[in-house]
Amino acid sequence: MSAILGKKIGMTRLFDAKGKVVPCTVIEAGPCFISQVKKNEKEGVDSYQVSFGEKPERLVKKTERGHFLKSGVPVGRFVKDIKKPLIGDLKLGDKLNVSVFTEGSFVDIIGVSKGKGFAGVVKRHHFGGGSRTHGQSDRLRAPGSVGGSSFPSRTFKGQRMAGRMGSDRVTAKNLQIVKIVIDSNILVLKGKRLGYVQIVTSKKR
């Protein structure tokens, strides 16, 4: 098992052996640094704190500067905890790059979906909306009934309604690594991904 952090830097397309177009996402994956080694006896978990990118100096807090000074690595812009079995036996300050992966292998991409703000039920849950005729002037994108008046006389928990859409933790499974450029820390993945992501070797392969 292997894991690393990265960010999407663009989209491209490649051609497979049959000449078919394959849409791909270009991800800058690393270099990442081990900024803290957490142990079960002290922190209650066996994991590594992995940092990626460099935070602008104007945004760095004193506590962050002191924390990263101990490991001797730059203050990371994107920081995540990764369990030890995923990336083997490493020491404080060690570097990770794309060489931990191989072309053709499959990975899971973990990230945060794009925030859409407040959205209605048609956009958020793909409701069909109300009737377009018979005098229904304002029911086109309405949710309809959310609970009967006589029974159950309440709205069930989990009822699909309008609300905040997106900004959720999402895992895209079994994405193939089409190409690796070790010198530039580039991973080219099949399909479309967004933002800052965590790349983990797929468990199902």
N, C-alpha and C. Protein backbone atom coordinates (compact mmCIF):
# COMPACT_ATOMS: atom_id res chain seq x y z
N MET A 1 0.83 -1.20 0.00
CA MET A 1 0.00 0.00 0.00
C MET A 1 0.87 1.25 0.00
N SER A 2 0.44 2.27 -0.76
CA SER A 2 1.16 3.53 -0.83
C SER A 2 0.15 4.67 -0.79
N ALA A 3 0.60 5.83 -0.29
CA ALA A 3 -0.27 7.01 -0.22
C ALA A 3 0.57 8.26 -0.36
N ILE A 4 -0.03 9.31 -0.93
CA ILE A 4 0.67 10.58 -1.13
C ILE A 4 -0.39 11.67 -1.28
N LEU A 5 0.03 12.93 -1.12
CA LEU A 5 -0.86 14.06 -1.29
C LEU A 5 -0.52 14.79 -2.59
N GLY A 6 -1.50 15.48 -3.15
CA GLY A 6 -1.25 16.22 -4.37
C GLY A 6 -2.37 17.19 -4.68
N LYS A 7 -2.24 17.87 -5.83
CA LYS A 7 -3.29 18.79 -6.27
C LYS A 7 -3.43 18.73 -7.78
N LYS A 8 -4.65 18.95 -8.23
CA LYS A 8 -4.91 18.96 -9.66
C LYS A 8 -4.33 20.22 -10.29
N ILE A 9 -3.62 20.07 -11.41
CA ILE A 9 -3.06 21.22 -12.09
C ILE A 9 -3.59 21.38 -13.51
N GLY A 10 -4.42 20.44 -13.95
CA GLY A 10 -4.99 20.58 -15.28
C GLY A 10 -5.55 19.29 -15.82
N MET A 11 -6.08 19.39 -17.04
CA MET A 11 -6.63 18.23 -17.75
C MET A 11 -5.90 18.06 -19.08
N THR A 12 -5.86 16.84 -19.57
CA THR A 12 -5.27 16.56 -20.88
C THR A 12 -5.96 15.33 -21.46
N ARG A 13 -5.46 14.86 -22.58
CA ARG A 13 -5.99 13.62 -23.14
C ARG A 13 -4.84 12.82 -23.74
N LEU A 14 -4.95 11.52 -23.60
CA LEU A 14 -3.98 10.60 -24.18
C LEU A 14 -4.71 9.60 -25.06
N PHE A 15 -3.96 8.82 -25.82
CA PHE A 15 -4.56 7.82 -26.70
C PHE A 15 -4.10 6.44 -26.28
N ASP A 16 -5.04 5.50 -26.18
CA ASP A 16 -4.68 4.14 -25.79
C ASP A 16 -4.17 3.36 -27.00
N ALA A 17 -3.92 2.06 -26.81
CA ALA A 17 -3.35 1.22 -27.87
C ALA A 17 -4.26 1.12 -29.09
N LYS A 18 -5.56 1.29 -28.89
CA LYS A 18 -6.51 1.20 -30.00
C LYS A 18 -6.79 2.55 -30.65
N GLY A 19 -6.09 3.60 -30.16
CA GLY A 19 -6.29 4.93 -30.71
C GLY A 19 -7.47 5.67 -30.13
N LYS A 20 -8.06 5.14 -29.06
CA LYS A 20 -9.21 5.77 -28.42
C LYS A 20 -8.76 6.87 -27.47
N VAL A 21 -9.47 7.99 -27.49
CA VAL A 21 -9.13 9.13 -26.63
C VAL A 21 -9.45 8.80 -25.18
N VAL A 22 -8.49 9.05 -24.27
CA VAL A 22 -8.69 8.84 -22.84
C VAL A 22 -8.55 10.18 -22.12
N PRO A 23 -9.66 10.74 -21.59
CA PRO A 23 -9.54 12.00 -20.83
C PRO A 23 -8.78 11.76 -19.53
N CYS A 24 -7.85 12.64 -19.19
CA CYS A 24 -6.98 12.43 -18.04
C CYS A 24 -6.86 13.69 -17.19
N THR A 25 -6.63 13.47 -15.91
CA THR A 25 -6.34 14.55 -14.98
C THR A 25 -4.86 14.53 -14.65
N VAL A 26 -4.25 15.71 -14.69
CA VAL A 26 -2.83 15.85 -14.34
C VAL A 26 -2.73 16.32 -12.90
N ILE A 27 -2.06 15.52 -12.07
CA ILE A 27 -1.93 15.84 -10.64
C ILE A 27 -0.46 15.99 -10.27
N GLU A 28 -0.16 17.10 -9.60
CA GLU A 28 1.17 17.29 -9.02
C GLU A 28 1.17 16.60 -7.67
N ALA A 29 1.83 15.47 -7.56
CA ALA A 29 1.80 14.64 -6.34
C ALA A 29 3.18 14.65 -5.69
N GLY A 30 3.37 15.54 -4.75
CA GLY A 30 4.65 15.65 -4.08
C GLY A 30 5.50 16.76 -4.67
N PRO A 31 6.70 16.95 -4.10
CA PRO A 31 7.20 16.16 -2.97
C PRO A 31 6.43 16.45 -1.67
N CYS A 32 6.20 15.40 -0.90
CA CYS A 32 5.56 15.50 0.41
C CYS A 32 6.60 15.21 1.50
N PHE A 33 6.39 15.77 2.67
CA PHE A 33 7.33 15.60 3.77
C PHE A 33 6.63 15.07 5.01
N ILE A 34 7.36 14.27 5.80
CA ILE A 34 6.84 13.79 7.08
C ILE A 34 7.10 14.88 8.12
N SER A 35 6.05 15.58 8.54
CA SER A 35 6.19 16.69 9.47
C SER A 35 5.97 16.28 10.93
N GLN A 36 5.43 15.06 11.13
CA GLN A 36 5.25 14.56 12.50
C GLN A 36 5.04 13.05 12.45
N VAL A 37 5.64 12.35 13.41
CA VAL A 37 5.42 10.91 13.55
C VAL A 37 4.59 10.72 14.82
N LYS A 38 3.35 10.28 14.65
CA LYS A 38 2.45 10.11 15.79
C LYS A 38 2.48 8.67 16.27
N LYS A 39 2.53 8.52 17.61
CA LYS A 39 2.57 7.18 18.20
C LYS A 39 1.36 6.97 19.10
N ASN A 40 0.95 5.71 19.17
CA ASN A 40 -0.25 5.36 19.92
C ASN A 40 -0.12 5.70 21.40
N GLU A 41 1.09 5.58 21.95
CA GLU A 41 1.30 5.83 23.39
C GLU A 41 1.07 7.30 23.74
N LYS A 42 1.38 8.20 22.82
CA LYS A 42 1.29 9.63 23.10
C LYS A 42 0.07 10.29 22.46
N GLU A 43 -0.10 10.12 21.14
CA GLU A 43 -1.20 10.77 20.44
C GLU A 43 -2.44 9.88 20.30
N GLY A 44 -2.32 8.60 20.65
CA GLY A 44 -3.47 7.70 20.56
C GLY A 44 -3.69 7.09 19.19
N VAL A 45 -2.71 7.28 18.29
CA VAL A 45 -2.83 6.71 16.95
C VAL A 45 -1.43 6.55 16.36
N ASP A 46 -1.24 5.49 15.57
CA ASP A 46 0.03 5.28 14.87
C ASP A 46 -0.14 5.80 13.44
N SER A 47 0.41 6.99 13.20
CA SER A 47 0.26 7.59 11.87
C SER A 47 1.37 8.60 11.60
N TYR A 48 1.43 9.04 10.35
CA TYR A 48 2.36 10.09 9.95
C TYR A 48 1.55 11.34 9.58
N GLN A 49 2.05 12.50 9.98
CA GLN A 49 1.49 13.75 9.48
C GLN A 49 2.28 14.12 8.23
N VAL A 50 1.60 14.16 7.10
CA VAL A 50 2.26 14.41 5.81
C VAL A 50 1.84 15.79 5.31
N SER A 51 2.83 16.58 4.86
CA SER A 51 2.54 17.93 4.36
C SER A 51 2.90 18.02 2.88
N PHE A 52 2.12 18.83 2.17
CA PHE A 52 2.35 19.04 0.74
C PHE A 52 2.23 20.52 0.42
N GLY A 53 3.10 21.02 -0.46
CA GLY A 53 3.07 22.43 -0.84
C GLY A 53 3.69 23.29 0.25
N GLU A 54 3.75 24.57 -0.01
CA GLU A 54 4.33 25.52 0.95
C GLU A 54 3.34 26.65 1.19
N LYS A 55 3.01 26.88 2.45
CA LYS A 55 2.05 27.90 2.82
C LYS A 55 2.69 29.28 2.70
N PRO A 56 1.98 30.28 2.16
CA PRO A 56 2.54 31.64 2.09
C PRO A 56 2.89 32.16 3.48
N GLU A 57 3.99 32.88 3.57
CA GLU A 57 4.49 33.35 4.86
C GLU A 57 3.46 34.19 5.62
N ARG A 58 2.68 34.98 4.89
CA ARG A 58 1.69 35.85 5.54
C ARG A 58 0.56 35.08 6.21
N LEU A 59 0.40 33.80 5.83
CA LEU A 59 -0.69 32.99 6.40
C LEU A 59 -0.21 32.04 7.50
N VAL A 60 1.10 32.00 7.73
CA VAL A 60 1.66 31.06 8.70
C VAL A 60 1.50 31.61 10.12
N LYS A 61 0.92 30.79 11.01
CA LYS A 61 0.77 31.16 12.41
C LYS A 61 2.03 30.76 13.19
N LYS A 62 2.22 31.39 14.34
CA LYS A 62 3.40 31.10 15.17
C LYS A 62 3.45 29.64 15.58
N THR A 63 2.29 29.10 15.94
CA THR A 63 2.24 27.69 16.37
C THR A 63 2.63 26.75 15.23
N GLU A 64 2.19 27.08 14.01
CA GLU A 64 2.54 26.27 12.84
C GLU A 64 4.04 26.34 12.55
N ARG A 65 4.59 27.55 12.64
CA ARG A 65 6.02 27.72 12.37
C ARG A 65 6.86 26.91 13.34
N GLY A 66 6.49 26.93 14.63
CA GLY A 66 7.21 26.17 15.64
C GLY A 66 7.08 24.67 15.43
N HIS A 67 5.89 24.24 15.02
CA HIS A 67 5.65 22.81 14.80
C HIS A 67 6.50 22.27 13.65
N PHE A 68 6.53 23.01 12.54
CA PHE A 68 7.29 22.55 11.36
C PHE A 68 8.79 22.76 11.53
N LEU A 69 9.18 23.67 12.44
CA LEU A 69 10.61 23.90 12.69
C LEU A 69 11.27 22.67 13.29
N LYS A 70 10.50 21.89 14.07
CA LYS A 70 11.03 20.68 14.70
C LYS A 70 11.42 19.64 13.66
N SER A 71 10.64 19.55 12.58
CA SER A 71 10.92 18.54 11.55
C SER A 71 11.86 19.06 10.48
N GLY A 72 12.08 20.37 10.43
CA GLY A 72 12.98 20.94 9.44
C GLY A 72 12.44 20.94 8.03
N VAL A 73 11.11 20.93 7.88
CA VAL A 73 10.49 20.95 6.55
C VAL A 73 9.66 22.22 6.41
N PRO A 74 9.37 22.66 5.18
CA PRO A 74 8.55 23.87 4.98
C PRO A 74 7.16 23.71 5.57
N VAL A 75 6.57 24.85 5.97
CA VAL A 75 5.20 24.82 6.50
C VAL A 75 4.26 24.43 5.36
N GLY A 76 3.61 23.28 5.51
CA GLY A 76 2.78 22.74 4.43
C GLY A 76 1.46 23.46 4.26
N ARG A 77 1.04 23.57 3.01
CA ARG A 77 -0.26 24.18 2.71
C ARG A 77 -1.39 23.16 2.88
N PHE A 78 -1.11 21.91 2.56
CA PHE A 78 -2.10 20.83 2.65
C PHE A 78 -1.51 19.75 3.54
N VAL A 79 -2.13 19.52 4.71
CA VAL A 79 -1.58 18.60 5.71
C VAL A 79 -2.62 17.54 6.04
N LYS A 80 -2.20 16.27 6.03
CA LYS A 80 -3.11 15.16 6.34
C LYS A 80 -2.38 14.11 7.17
N ASP A 81 -3.14 13.37 7.98
CA ASP A 81 -2.61 12.23 8.71
C ASP A 81 -2.83 10.96 7.87
N ILE A 82 -1.77 10.18 7.70
CA ILE A 82 -1.86 8.92 6.96
C ILE A 82 -1.37 7.79 7.87
N LYS A 83 -2.14 6.73 7.97
CA LYS A 83 -1.78 5.62 8.86
C LYS A 83 -0.49 4.96 8.42
N LYS A 84 0.29 4.48 9.39
CA LYS A 84 1.62 3.95 9.11
C LYS A 84 1.65 2.79 8.11
N PRO A 85 0.74 1.83 8.20
CA PRO A 85 0.83 0.71 7.25
C PRO A 85 0.76 1.15 5.78
N LEU A 86 0.17 2.33 5.52
CA LEU A 86 0.01 2.78 4.15
C LEU A 86 1.34 3.18 3.50
N ILE A 87 2.26 3.73 4.28
CA ILE A 87 3.49 4.24 3.68
C ILE A 87 4.75 3.73 4.39
N GLY A 88 4.65 2.60 5.06
CA GLY A 88 5.84 1.94 5.57
C GLY A 88 6.50 2.63 6.75
N ASP A 89 7.81 2.41 6.90
CA ASP A 89 8.57 2.90 8.05
C ASP A 89 9.39 4.11 7.64
N LEU A 90 8.97 5.29 8.10
CA LEU A 90 9.64 6.54 7.72
C LEU A 90 10.04 7.32 8.97
N LYS A 91 10.92 8.29 8.78
CA LYS A 91 11.41 9.13 9.87
C LYS A 91 10.96 10.57 9.66
N LEU A 92 11.06 11.37 10.71
CA LEU A 92 10.70 12.78 10.66
C LEU A 92 11.55 13.49 9.61
N GLY A 93 10.91 14.23 8.71
CA GLY A 93 11.63 14.97 7.68
C GLY A 93 11.82 14.22 6.38
N ASP A 94 11.45 12.93 6.33
CA ASP A 94 11.61 12.15 5.10
C ASP A 94 10.71 12.68 3.98
N LYS A 95 11.14 12.44 2.74
CA LYS A 95 10.42 12.94 1.57
C LYS A 95 9.72 11.79 0.84
N LEU A 96 8.51 12.09 0.34
CA LEU A 96 7.75 11.15 -0.48
C LEU A 96 7.54 11.74 -1.86
N ASN A 97 7.60 10.91 -2.90
CA ASN A 97 7.31 11.38 -4.25
C ASN A 97 6.56 10.31 -5.03
N VAL A 98 6.33 10.57 -6.31
CA VAL A 98 5.49 9.67 -7.12
C VAL A 98 6.13 8.33 -7.43
N SER A 99 7.38 8.15 -7.07
CA SER A 99 8.06 6.88 -7.35
C SER A 99 7.46 5.71 -6.57
N VAL A 100 6.59 6.00 -5.58
CA VAL A 100 5.96 4.92 -4.82
C VAL A 100 4.85 4.23 -5.64
N PHE A 101 4.48 4.82 -6.79
CA PHE A 101 3.44 4.24 -7.64
C PHE A 101 4.05 3.71 -8.94
N THR A 102 3.29 2.89 -9.64
CA THR A 102 3.72 2.36 -10.93
C THR A 102 2.64 2.61 -11.98
N GLU A 103 3.06 2.81 -13.21
CA GLU A 103 2.10 3.02 -14.30
C GLU A 103 1.23 1.78 -14.50
N GLY A 104 -0.05 2.01 -14.73
CA GLY A 104 -0.98 0.92 -14.94
C GLY A 104 -1.67 0.45 -13.67
N SER A 105 -1.13 0.85 -12.50
CA SER A 105 -1.76 0.44 -11.24
C SER A 105 -3.01 1.28 -10.98
N PHE A 106 -3.79 0.87 -9.99
CA PHE A 106 -5.05 1.55 -9.69
C PHE A 106 -4.99 2.20 -8.31
N VAL A 107 -5.58 3.39 -8.21
CA VAL A 107 -5.55 4.15 -6.95
C VAL A 107 -6.95 4.66 -6.60
N ASP A 108 -7.13 5.01 -5.32
CA ASP A 108 -8.33 5.70 -4.86
C ASP A 108 -7.97 7.16 -4.61
N ILE A 109 -8.81 8.07 -5.06
CA ILE A 109 -8.58 9.50 -4.88
C ILE A 109 -9.57 10.02 -3.85
N ILE A 110 -9.04 10.64 -2.78
CA ILE A 110 -9.88 11.18 -1.71
C ILE A 110 -9.72 12.69 -1.68
N GLY A 111 -10.84 13.40 -1.77
CA GLY A 111 -10.78 14.86 -1.76
C GLY A 111 -12.11 15.45 -1.33
N VAL A 112 -12.23 16.77 -1.48
CA VAL A 112 -13.45 17.49 -1.12
C VAL A 112 -14.12 17.98 -2.39
N SER A 113 -15.39 17.65 -2.56
CA SER A 113 -16.11 18.04 -3.77
C SER A 113 -16.32 19.55 -3.80
N LYS A 114 -16.56 20.06 -4.98
CA LYS A 114 -16.75 21.51 -5.18
C LYS A 114 -18.01 21.98 -4.46
N GLY A 115 -17.91 23.07 -3.71
CA GLY A 115 -19.06 23.62 -3.00
C GLY A 115 -19.99 24.36 -3.95
N LYS A 116 -21.29 24.06 -3.88
CA LYS A 116 -22.28 24.69 -4.75
C LYS A 116 -23.14 25.71 -4.02
N GLY A 117 -22.97 25.80 -2.69
CA GLY A 117 -23.82 26.70 -1.92
C GLY A 117 -25.20 26.11 -1.69
N PHE A 118 -26.18 26.98 -1.40
CA PHE A 118 -27.56 26.53 -1.16
C PHE A 118 -28.20 26.15 -2.48
N ALA A 119 -28.76 24.94 -2.54
CA ALA A 119 -29.37 24.45 -3.78
C ALA A 119 -30.73 23.84 -3.48
N GLY A 120 -31.62 23.94 -4.46
CA GLY A 120 -32.96 23.36 -4.32
C GLY A 120 -32.95 21.87 -4.58
N VAL A 121 -34.12 21.24 -4.44
CA VAL A 121 -34.20 19.78 -4.53
C VAL A 121 -33.99 19.27 -5.96
N VAL A 122 -34.31 20.08 -6.96
CA VAL A 122 -34.13 19.63 -8.35
C VAL A 122 -32.64 19.50 -8.65
N LYS A 123 -31.84 20.48 -8.24
CA LYS A 123 -30.41 20.43 -8.49
C LYS A 123 -29.70 19.48 -7.52
N ARG A 124 -30.11 19.51 -6.26
CA ARG A 124 -29.41 18.76 -5.21
C ARG A 124 -29.74 17.27 -5.24
N HIS A 125 -31.01 16.93 -5.45
CA HIS A 125 -31.44 15.52 -5.38
C HIS A 125 -32.07 15.02 -6.69
N HIS A 126 -32.05 15.83 -7.73
CA HIS A 126 -32.57 15.44 -9.05
C HIS A 126 -34.07 15.14 -9.02
N PHE A 127 -34.83 15.90 -8.24
CA PHE A 127 -36.28 15.76 -8.24
C PHE A 127 -36.82 16.20 -9.61
N GLY A 128 -37.98 15.68 -9.97
CA GLY A 128 -38.57 16.00 -11.26
C GLY A 128 -39.37 17.30 -11.27
N GLY A 129 -39.70 17.83 -10.07
CA GLY A 129 -40.51 19.04 -10.02
C GLY A 129 -41.99 18.73 -10.18
N GLY A 130 -42.79 19.77 -10.09
CA GLY A 130 -44.24 19.59 -10.16
C GLY A 130 -44.77 19.70 -11.58
N SER A 131 -46.10 19.66 -11.68
CA SER A 131 -46.78 19.74 -12.97
C SER A 131 -46.52 21.08 -13.64
N ARG A 132 -46.42 21.05 -14.97
CA ARG A 132 -46.18 22.29 -15.74
C ARG A 132 -47.49 22.91 -16.23
N THR A 133 -48.62 22.32 -15.87
CA THR A 133 -49.89 22.83 -16.40
C THR A 133 -50.98 22.69 -15.33
N HIS A 134 -52.21 22.84 -15.73
CA HIS A 134 -53.37 22.76 -14.84
C HIS A 134 -53.27 23.79 -13.71
N GLY A 135 -52.85 24.98 -14.05
CA GLY A 135 -52.87 26.08 -13.08
C GLY A 135 -51.73 26.09 -12.10
N GLN A 136 -50.72 25.22 -12.28
CA GLN A 136 -49.59 25.18 -11.34
C GLN A 136 -48.55 26.22 -11.75
N SER A 137 -48.68 27.42 -11.26
CA SER A 137 -47.82 28.52 -11.70
C SER A 137 -46.50 28.58 -10.94
N ASP A 138 -46.44 28.02 -9.74
CA ASP A 138 -45.23 28.18 -8.92
C ASP A 138 -44.73 26.85 -8.36
N ARG A 139 -45.08 25.72 -9.01
CA ARG A 139 -44.69 24.42 -8.48
C ARG A 139 -43.64 23.72 -9.34
N LEU A 140 -43.04 24.42 -10.28
CA LEU A 140 -42.15 23.78 -11.25
C LEU A 140 -40.95 23.10 -10.60
N ARG A 141 -40.34 23.76 -9.60
CA ARG A 141 -39.14 23.21 -8.96
C ARG A 141 -39.34 23.00 -7.46
N ALA A 142 -40.60 22.85 -7.07
CA ALA A 142 -40.92 22.66 -5.65
C ALA A 142 -40.72 21.20 -5.23
N PRO A 143 -40.45 20.94 -3.95
CA PRO A 143 -40.20 19.56 -3.50
C PRO A 143 -41.45 18.72 -3.33
N GLY A 144 -42.62 19.35 -3.23
CA GLY A 144 -43.83 18.58 -2.98
C GLY A 144 -44.02 18.32 -1.49
N SER A 145 -44.84 17.34 -1.14
CA SER A 145 -45.14 17.05 0.25
C SER A 145 -43.92 16.47 0.98
N VAL A 146 -43.71 16.91 2.21
CA VAL A 146 -42.60 16.39 3.01
C VAL A 146 -43.10 15.58 4.21
N GLY A 147 -44.41 15.43 4.35
CA GLY A 147 -44.98 14.66 5.46
C GLY A 147 -46.47 14.90 5.55
N GLY A 148 -47.26 13.81 5.58
CA GLY A 148 -48.71 13.95 5.63
C GLY A 148 -49.19 14.63 6.89
N SER A 149 -50.34 15.33 6.80
CA SER A 149 -50.87 16.05 7.97
C SER A 149 -51.51 15.10 8.98
N SER A 150 -52.19 14.04 8.50
CA SER A 150 -52.83 13.11 9.43
C SER A 150 -51.89 11.98 9.83
N PHE A 151 -51.10 11.50 8.86
CA PHE A 151 -50.08 10.49 9.15
C PHE A 151 -48.92 10.67 8.19
N PRO A 152 -47.70 10.73 8.68
CA PRO A 152 -47.25 10.54 10.07
C PRO A 152 -47.29 11.81 10.92
N SER A 153 -47.84 12.88 10.39
CA SER A 153 -47.95 14.17 11.11
C SER A 153 -46.59 14.73 11.52
N ARG A 154 -45.58 14.36 10.79
CA ARG A 154 -44.24 14.90 11.05
C ARG A 154 -43.37 14.63 9.82
N THR A 155 -42.21 15.25 9.79
CA THR A 155 -41.25 15.03 8.71
C THR A 155 -40.20 14.03 9.18
N PHE A 156 -40.00 12.98 8.43
CA PHE A 156 -39.02 11.96 8.81
C PHE A 156 -37.60 12.51 8.77
N LYS A 157 -36.77 12.02 9.68
CA LYS A 157 -35.36 12.39 9.69
C LYS A 157 -34.70 11.88 8.41
N GLY A 158 -33.88 12.73 7.79
CA GLY A 158 -33.21 12.35 6.55
C GLY A 158 -34.01 12.68 5.31
N GLN A 159 -35.16 13.32 5.46
CA GLN A 159 -35.97 13.71 4.30
C GLN A 159 -35.15 14.59 3.35
N ARG A 160 -35.18 14.27 2.09
CA ARG A 160 -34.41 15.03 1.11
C ARG A 160 -35.06 16.39 0.85
N MET A 161 -34.32 17.45 1.15
CA MET A 161 -34.82 18.81 1.00
C MET A 161 -33.74 19.70 0.41
N ALA A 162 -34.09 20.96 0.21
CA ALA A 162 -33.11 21.94 -0.24
C ALA A 162 -32.10 22.19 0.88
N GLY A 163 -30.89 22.57 0.50
CA GLY A 163 -29.85 22.84 1.51
C GLY A 163 -28.48 23.00 0.88
N ARG A 164 -27.46 23.01 1.71
CA ARG A 164 -26.09 23.19 1.23
C ARG A 164 -25.67 21.99 0.40
N MET A 165 -25.11 22.25 -0.75
CA MET A 165 -24.72 21.19 -1.67
C MET A 165 -23.21 21.23 -1.91
N GLY A 166 -22.59 20.07 -1.91
CA GLY A 166 -21.15 19.99 -2.16
C GLY A 166 -20.33 20.15 -0.90
N SER A 167 -19.01 20.38 -1.08
CA SER A 167 -18.05 20.51 0.02
C SER A 167 -18.06 19.27 0.93
N ASP A 168 -18.22 18.10 0.33
CA ASP A 168 -18.24 16.84 1.07
C ASP A 168 -16.99 16.02 0.74
N ARG A 169 -16.56 15.19 1.70
CA ARG A 169 -15.45 14.28 1.45
C ARG A 169 -15.91 13.19 0.50
N VAL A 170 -15.20 13.03 -0.60
CA VAL A 170 -15.60 12.10 -1.65
C VAL A 170 -14.42 11.19 -1.99
N THR A 171 -14.69 9.91 -2.21
CA THR A 171 -13.66 8.96 -2.63
C THR A 171 -14.02 8.39 -4.00
N ALA A 172 -13.14 8.59 -4.96
CA ALA A 172 -13.30 8.00 -6.29
C ALA A 172 -12.40 6.78 -6.35
N LYS A 173 -12.98 5.60 -6.56
CA LYS A 173 -12.23 4.34 -6.45
C LYS A 173 -11.79 3.80 -7.80
N ASN A 174 -10.67 3.07 -7.75
CA ASN A 174 -10.15 2.32 -8.90
C ASN A 174 -9.91 3.19 -10.13
N LEU A 175 -9.12 4.26 -9.97
CA LEU A 175 -8.71 5.08 -11.10
C LEU A 175 -7.33 4.62 -11.55
N GLN A 176 -7.14 4.45 -12.82
CA GLN A 176 -5.89 3.93 -13.34
C GLN A 176 -4.86 5.04 -13.55
N ILE A 177 -3.62 4.75 -13.15
CA ILE A 177 -2.51 5.66 -13.42
C ILE A 177 -2.04 5.42 -14.84
N VAL A 178 -2.25 6.41 -15.70
CA VAL A 178 -1.92 6.26 -17.12
C VAL A 178 -0.44 6.55 -17.37
N LYS A 179 0.09 7.56 -16.64
CA LYS A 179 1.48 7.96 -16.87
C LYS A 179 2.06 8.58 -15.61
N ILE A 180 3.37 8.38 -15.40
CA ILE A 180 4.09 8.97 -14.26
C ILE A 180 5.32 9.70 -14.80
N VAL A 181 5.48 10.97 -14.38
CA VAL A 181 6.68 11.75 -14.71
C VAL A 181 7.40 12.04 -13.40
N ILE A 182 8.39 11.21 -13.06
CA ILE A 182 9.05 11.28 -11.75
C ILE A 182 9.79 12.60 -11.57
N ASP A 183 10.46 13.10 -12.62
CA ASP A 183 11.26 14.33 -12.50
C ASP A 183 10.40 15.53 -12.11
N SER A 184 9.14 15.55 -12.57
CA SER A 184 8.25 16.68 -12.30
C SER A 184 7.20 16.36 -11.24
N ASN A 185 7.27 15.16 -10.62
CA ASN A 185 6.28 14.72 -9.64
C ASN A 185 4.86 14.80 -10.18
N ILE A 186 4.68 14.25 -11.38
CA ILE A 186 3.38 14.32 -12.06
C ILE A 186 2.77 12.93 -12.16
N LEU A 187 1.49 12.85 -11.80
CA LEU A 187 0.68 11.65 -12.02
C LEU A 187 -0.41 12.00 -13.02
N VAL A 188 -0.59 11.17 -14.03
CA VAL A 188 -1.68 11.37 -14.99
C VAL A 188 -2.68 10.25 -14.76
N LEU A 189 -3.90 10.63 -14.33
CA LEU A 189 -4.93 9.66 -13.97
C LEU A 189 -6.06 9.67 -14.98
N LYS A 190 -6.64 8.52 -15.19
CA LYS A 190 -7.78 8.40 -16.08
C LYS A 190 -9.01 9.00 -15.40
N GLY A 191 -9.70 9.92 -16.07
CA GLY A 191 -10.90 10.52 -15.52
C GLY A 191 -10.68 11.93 -15.02
N LYS A 192 -11.70 12.47 -14.36
CA LYS A 192 -11.70 13.87 -13.92
C LYS A 192 -11.75 13.97 -12.41
N ARG A 193 -10.82 14.72 -11.82
CA ARG A 193 -10.76 14.92 -10.37
C ARG A 193 -10.68 16.41 -10.07
N LEU A 194 -10.85 16.78 -8.80
CA LEU A 194 -10.85 18.19 -8.41
C LEU A 194 -9.92 18.48 -7.24
N GLY A 195 -9.33 19.68 -7.24
CA GLY A 195 -8.67 20.27 -6.08
C GLY A 195 -7.52 19.48 -5.47
N TYR A 196 -7.30 19.73 -4.15
CA TYR A 196 -6.29 19.02 -3.38
C TYR A 196 -6.82 17.63 -3.04
N VAL A 197 -5.97 16.61 -3.22
CA VAL A 197 -6.44 15.24 -3.05
C VAL A 197 -5.41 14.39 -2.32
N GLN A 198 -5.90 13.27 -1.79
CA GLN A 198 -5.03 12.23 -1.22
C GLN A 198 -5.12 11.02 -2.14
N ILE A 199 -3.98 10.51 -2.55
CA ILE A 199 -3.93 9.38 -3.49
C ILE A 199 -3.47 8.14 -2.74
N VAL A 200 -4.28 7.09 -2.75
CA VAL A 200 -4.01 5.86 -2.01
C VAL A 200 -4.13 4.68 -2.93
N THR A 201 -3.22 3.71 -2.83
CA THR A 201 -3.30 2.49 -3.62
C THR A 201 -4.65 1.81 -3.38
N SER A 202 -5.31 1.41 -4.45
CA SER A 202 -6.63 0.81 -4.34
C SER A 202 -6.56 -0.53 -3.63
N LYS A 203 -7.50 -0.79 -2.71
CA LYS A 203 -7.54 -2.05 -1.96
C LYS A 203 -8.15 -3.18 -2.77
N LYS A 204 -8.92 -2.82 -3.81
CA LYS A 204 -9.66 -3.84 -4.57
C LYS A 204 -8.86 -4.44 -5.70
N ARG A 205 -7.60 -4.03 -5.86
CA ARG A 205 -6.78 -4.54 -6.96
C ARG A 205 -5.66 -5.42 -6.43
